[in-house]
Amino acid sequence: NKNARNRARRRGAPVVGTVDRAEVWARDGGKCHICKRKCDPTKWHLDHLIALARGGKHSMDNVAVSHPVCNMRKGAVGPAQLRLGSVA
């Protein structure tokens, strides 16, 4: 989304292609990558696996579906990075 792209640019993070939220939702099966439970399709976060604040890029291979609470609880580091090995 536009806000995430702008945030990435401000932090000097590379923006690689476009991130399509519907495509991320379908790829992840609508499940939070942190707690593995189904998310509400109208209330979910696009979580950067490697946070923009830590130099992560805004790209399809660095984002995943998450519950807002799960995403905000982990902050800029945390369980998201454990998933990196399984990102398509």
N, C-alpha and C. Protein backbone atom coordinates (compact mmCIF):
# COMPACT_ATOMS: atom_id res chain seq x y z
N ASN A 1 0.83 -1.17 0.00
CA ASN A 1 0.00 0.00 0.00
C ASN A 1 0.88 1.24 0.00
N LYS A 2 0.29 2.34 -0.30
CA LYS A 2 1.03 3.59 -0.45
C LYS A 2 1.73 4.01 0.83
N ASN A 3 1.09 3.84 1.99
CA ASN A 3 1.70 4.23 3.26
C ASN A 3 2.95 3.41 3.55
N ALA A 4 2.89 2.11 3.31
CA ALA A 4 4.06 1.25 3.56
C ALA A 4 5.20 1.61 2.61
N ARG A 5 4.88 1.89 1.35
CA ARG A 5 5.92 2.30 0.39
C ARG A 5 6.58 3.59 0.83
N ASN A 6 5.77 4.57 1.26
CA ASN A 6 6.32 5.84 1.72
C ASN A 6 7.18 5.67 2.97
N ARG A 7 6.72 4.83 3.90
CA ARG A 7 7.48 4.56 5.11
C ARG A 7 8.82 3.91 4.76
N ALA A 8 8.79 3.00 3.81
CA ALA A 8 10.03 2.33 3.37
C ALA A 8 10.99 3.34 2.77
N ARG A 9 10.49 4.22 1.94
CA ARG A 9 11.35 5.23 1.31
C ARG A 9 11.97 6.16 2.35
N ARG A 10 11.16 6.58 3.33
CA ARG A 10 11.68 7.47 4.38
C ARG A 10 12.80 6.81 5.18
N ARG A 11 12.70 5.51 5.36
CA ARG A 11 13.71 4.78 6.12
C ARG A 11 14.87 4.33 5.24
N GLY A 12 14.79 4.61 3.96
CA GLY A 12 15.85 4.21 3.05
C GLY A 12 15.79 2.73 2.67
N ALA A 13 14.66 2.08 2.96
CA ALA A 13 14.50 0.66 2.63
C ALA A 13 14.16 0.52 1.15
N PRO A 14 14.69 -0.49 0.50
CA PRO A 14 14.36 -0.68 -0.90
C PRO A 14 12.89 -1.08 -1.09
N VAL A 15 12.28 -0.54 -2.11
CA VAL A 15 10.91 -0.91 -2.49
C VAL A 15 11.05 -1.76 -3.74
N VAL A 16 10.70 -3.04 -3.63
CA VAL A 16 10.91 -3.98 -4.72
C VAL A 16 9.55 -4.38 -5.27
N GLY A 17 9.20 -3.89 -6.44
CA GLY A 17 7.91 -4.22 -7.04
C GLY A 17 6.75 -3.67 -6.25
N THR A 18 5.59 -4.21 -6.51
CA THR A 18 4.40 -3.80 -5.78
C THR A 18 3.98 -4.92 -4.84
N VAL A 19 3.37 -4.54 -3.75
CA VAL A 19 2.85 -5.52 -2.79
C VAL A 19 1.33 -5.47 -2.91
N ASP A 20 0.76 -6.57 -3.35
CA ASP A 20 -0.68 -6.68 -3.53
C ASP A 20 -1.28 -7.38 -2.32
N ARG A 21 -2.04 -6.63 -1.51
CA ARG A 21 -2.61 -7.18 -0.28
C ARG A 21 -3.47 -8.41 -0.55
N ALA A 22 -4.26 -8.39 -1.61
CA ALA A 22 -5.12 -9.54 -1.93
C ALA A 22 -4.27 -10.77 -2.25
N GLU A 23 -3.17 -10.56 -2.93
CA GLU A 23 -2.27 -11.67 -3.27
C GLU A 23 -1.59 -12.23 -2.01
N VAL A 24 -1.20 -11.35 -1.11
CA VAL A 24 -0.59 -11.80 0.15
C VAL A 24 -1.61 -12.60 0.96
N TRP A 25 -2.85 -12.10 1.04
CA TRP A 25 -3.92 -12.79 1.75
C TRP A 25 -4.12 -14.19 1.19
N ALA A 26 -4.21 -14.30 -0.14
CA ALA A 26 -4.43 -15.60 -0.78
C ALA A 26 -3.23 -16.52 -0.55
N ARG A 27 -2.03 -16.00 -0.71
CA ARG A 27 -0.81 -16.81 -0.53
C ARG A 27 -0.73 -17.39 0.89
N ASP A 28 -1.09 -16.56 1.89
CA ASP A 28 -0.99 -16.97 3.28
C ASP A 28 -2.25 -17.66 3.79
N GLY A 29 -3.25 -17.80 2.93
CA GLY A 29 -4.49 -18.47 3.33
C GLY A 29 -5.27 -17.72 4.39
N GLY A 30 -5.00 -16.40 4.51
CA GLY A 30 -5.71 -15.59 5.49
C GLY A 30 -5.34 -15.89 6.93
N LYS A 31 -4.21 -16.60 7.13
CA LYS A 31 -3.79 -16.96 8.49
C LYS A 31 -2.63 -16.10 8.94
N CYS A 32 -2.68 -15.72 10.20
CA CYS A 32 -1.60 -14.96 10.83
C CYS A 32 -0.35 -15.83 10.86
N HIS A 33 0.74 -15.32 10.34
CA HIS A 33 1.97 -16.11 10.31
C HIS A 33 2.60 -16.23 11.69
N ILE A 34 2.14 -15.45 12.67
CA ILE A 34 2.71 -15.49 14.01
C ILE A 34 1.99 -16.53 14.88
N CYS A 35 0.66 -16.44 14.94
CA CYS A 35 -0.10 -17.36 15.81
C CYS A 35 -0.78 -18.49 15.03
N LYS A 36 -0.76 -18.40 13.70
CA LYS A 36 -1.31 -19.44 12.81
C LYS A 36 -2.84 -19.53 12.82
N ARG A 37 -3.52 -18.54 13.41
CA ARG A 37 -4.98 -18.54 13.41
C ARG A 37 -5.51 -17.66 12.28
N LYS A 38 -6.73 -17.93 11.87
CA LYS A 38 -7.38 -17.18 10.80
C LYS A 38 -7.58 -15.73 11.20
N CYS A 39 -7.34 -14.82 10.26
CA CYS A 39 -7.54 -13.39 10.48
C CYS A 39 -8.89 -12.95 9.92
N ASP A 40 -9.39 -11.86 10.41
CA ASP A 40 -10.59 -11.23 9.86
C ASP A 40 -10.17 -10.59 8.55
N PRO A 41 -10.83 -10.92 7.44
CA PRO A 41 -10.42 -10.38 6.15
C PRO A 41 -10.54 -8.86 6.03
N THR A 42 -11.25 -8.22 6.97
CA THR A 42 -11.38 -6.76 6.92
C THR A 42 -10.47 -6.06 7.92
N LYS A 43 -9.82 -6.84 8.81
CA LYS A 43 -8.99 -6.23 9.86
C LYS A 43 -7.72 -7.05 10.05
N TRP A 44 -6.74 -6.85 9.18
CA TRP A 44 -5.47 -7.54 9.32
C TRP A 44 -4.33 -6.62 8.91
N HIS A 45 -3.15 -6.94 9.41
CA HIS A 45 -1.97 -6.15 9.08
C HIS A 45 -1.10 -6.84 8.04
N LEU A 46 -0.47 -6.05 7.25
CA LEU A 46 0.55 -6.51 6.33
C LEU A 46 1.86 -6.36 7.10
N ASP A 47 2.38 -7.45 7.61
CA ASP A 47 3.55 -7.43 8.48
C ASP A 47 4.82 -7.62 7.67
N HIS A 48 5.81 -6.77 7.90
CA HIS A 48 7.12 -6.94 7.26
C HIS A 48 7.91 -7.95 8.10
N LEU A 49 8.34 -9.04 7.49
CA LEU A 49 9.06 -10.09 8.20
C LEU A 49 10.37 -9.55 8.76
N ILE A 50 11.12 -8.86 7.95
CA ILE A 50 12.24 -8.07 8.45
C ILE A 50 11.73 -6.64 8.43
N ALA A 51 11.59 -6.07 9.61
CA ALA A 51 10.98 -4.75 9.76
C ALA A 51 11.71 -3.70 8.93
N LEU A 52 10.95 -2.75 8.42
CA LEU A 52 11.55 -1.63 7.68
C LEU A 52 12.56 -0.92 8.57
N ALA A 53 12.25 -0.84 9.87
CA ALA A 53 13.14 -0.19 10.82
C ALA A 53 14.47 -0.93 10.96
N ARG A 54 14.50 -2.20 10.58
CA ARG A 54 15.72 -3.02 10.66
C ARG A 54 16.36 -3.22 9.29
N GLY A 55 15.89 -2.45 8.30
CA GLY A 55 16.49 -2.53 6.97
C GLY A 55 15.79 -3.48 6.01
N GLY A 56 14.62 -3.99 6.39
CA GLY A 56 13.87 -4.88 5.51
C GLY A 56 13.33 -4.13 4.31
N LYS A 57 13.03 -4.86 3.25
CA LYS A 57 12.51 -4.23 2.04
C LYS A 57 10.99 -4.39 1.98
N HIS A 58 10.37 -3.48 1.24
CA HIS A 58 8.93 -3.55 1.03
C HIS A 58 8.71 -4.35 -0.25
N SER A 59 8.53 -5.66 -0.09
CA SER A 59 8.38 -6.56 -1.24
C SER A 59 7.51 -7.74 -0.84
N MET A 60 7.02 -8.45 -1.85
CA MET A 60 6.13 -9.59 -1.60
C MET A 60 6.81 -10.66 -0.76
N ASP A 61 8.10 -10.86 -0.91
CA ASP A 61 8.76 -11.92 -0.15
C ASP A 61 9.14 -11.49 1.27
N ASN A 62 8.82 -10.25 1.64
CA ASN A 62 9.13 -9.79 3.00
C ASN A 62 7.88 -9.35 3.75
N VAL A 63 6.70 -9.76 3.29
CA VAL A 63 5.46 -9.41 3.98
C VAL A 63 4.62 -10.65 4.21
N ALA A 64 3.76 -10.57 5.22
CA ALA A 64 2.87 -11.68 5.55
C ALA A 64 1.64 -11.14 6.28
N VAL A 65 0.60 -11.94 6.30
CA VAL A 65 -0.64 -11.62 7.00
C VAL A 65 -0.40 -11.76 8.51
N SER A 66 -0.93 -10.82 9.29
CA SER A 66 -0.89 -10.97 10.74
C SER A 66 -2.08 -10.27 11.37
N HIS A 67 -2.44 -10.75 12.57
CA HIS A 67 -3.44 -10.04 13.37
C HIS A 67 -2.81 -8.72 13.81
N PRO A 68 -3.58 -7.66 13.90
CA PRO A 68 -3.03 -6.40 14.38
C PRO A 68 -2.36 -6.55 15.76
N VAL A 69 -2.98 -7.28 16.67
CA VAL A 69 -2.43 -7.44 18.01
C VAL A 69 -1.11 -8.22 17.96
N CYS A 70 -1.06 -9.29 17.18
CA CYS A 70 0.18 -10.07 17.07
C CYS A 70 1.30 -9.21 16.50
N ASN A 71 1.00 -8.45 15.47
CA ASN A 71 1.99 -7.61 14.81
C ASN A 71 2.51 -6.52 15.75
N MET A 72 1.62 -5.84 16.43
CA MET A 72 2.03 -4.74 17.30
C MET A 72 2.74 -5.25 18.55
N ARG A 73 2.39 -6.43 19.01
CA ARG A 73 3.02 -7.00 20.20
C ARG A 73 4.49 -7.33 19.93
N LYS A 74 4.79 -7.83 18.73
CA LYS A 74 6.17 -8.24 18.44
C LYS A 74 7.08 -7.06 18.13
N GLY A 75 6.54 -5.94 17.70
CA GLY A 75 7.35 -4.77 17.39
C GLY A 75 8.22 -4.98 16.16
N ALA A 76 9.41 -4.39 16.18
CA ALA A 76 10.30 -4.43 15.01
C ALA A 76 11.10 -5.72 14.91
N VAL A 77 11.09 -6.53 15.96
CA VAL A 77 11.78 -7.82 15.91
C VAL A 77 10.87 -8.85 16.53
N GLY A 78 11.12 -10.10 16.25
CA GLY A 78 10.31 -11.12 16.89
C GLY A 78 10.02 -12.30 16.02
N PRO A 79 8.90 -12.99 16.29
CA PRO A 79 8.58 -14.26 15.66
C PRO A 79 8.51 -14.20 14.14
N ALA A 80 8.25 -13.05 13.57
CA ALA A 80 8.14 -12.96 12.11
C ALA A 80 9.41 -13.44 11.44
N GLN A 81 10.54 -13.16 12.02
CA GLN A 81 11.80 -13.53 11.40
C GLN A 81 12.01 -15.03 11.36
N LEU A 82 11.31 -15.79 12.21
CA LEU A 82 11.43 -17.24 12.19
C LEU A 82 10.83 -17.82 10.91
N ARG A 83 9.90 -17.11 10.30
CA ARG A 83 9.20 -17.59 9.11
C ARG A 83 10.01 -17.41 7.84
N LEU A 84 11.06 -16.64 7.87
CA LEU A 84 11.80 -16.28 6.67
C LEU A 84 12.20 -17.47 5.82
N GLY A 85 12.55 -18.57 6.41
CA GLY A 85 12.96 -19.74 5.64
C GLY A 85 11.84 -20.33 4.79
N SER A 86 10.58 -20.06 5.12
CA SER A 86 9.46 -20.66 4.39
C SER A 86 8.77 -19.71 3.44
N VAL A 87 9.28 -18.49 3.29
CA VAL A 87 8.64 -17.51 2.40
C VAL A 87 8.89 -17.92 0.96
N ALA A 88 7.81 -17.92 0.18
CA ALA A 88 7.93 -18.29 -1.25
C ALA A 88 8.45 -17.11 -2.06
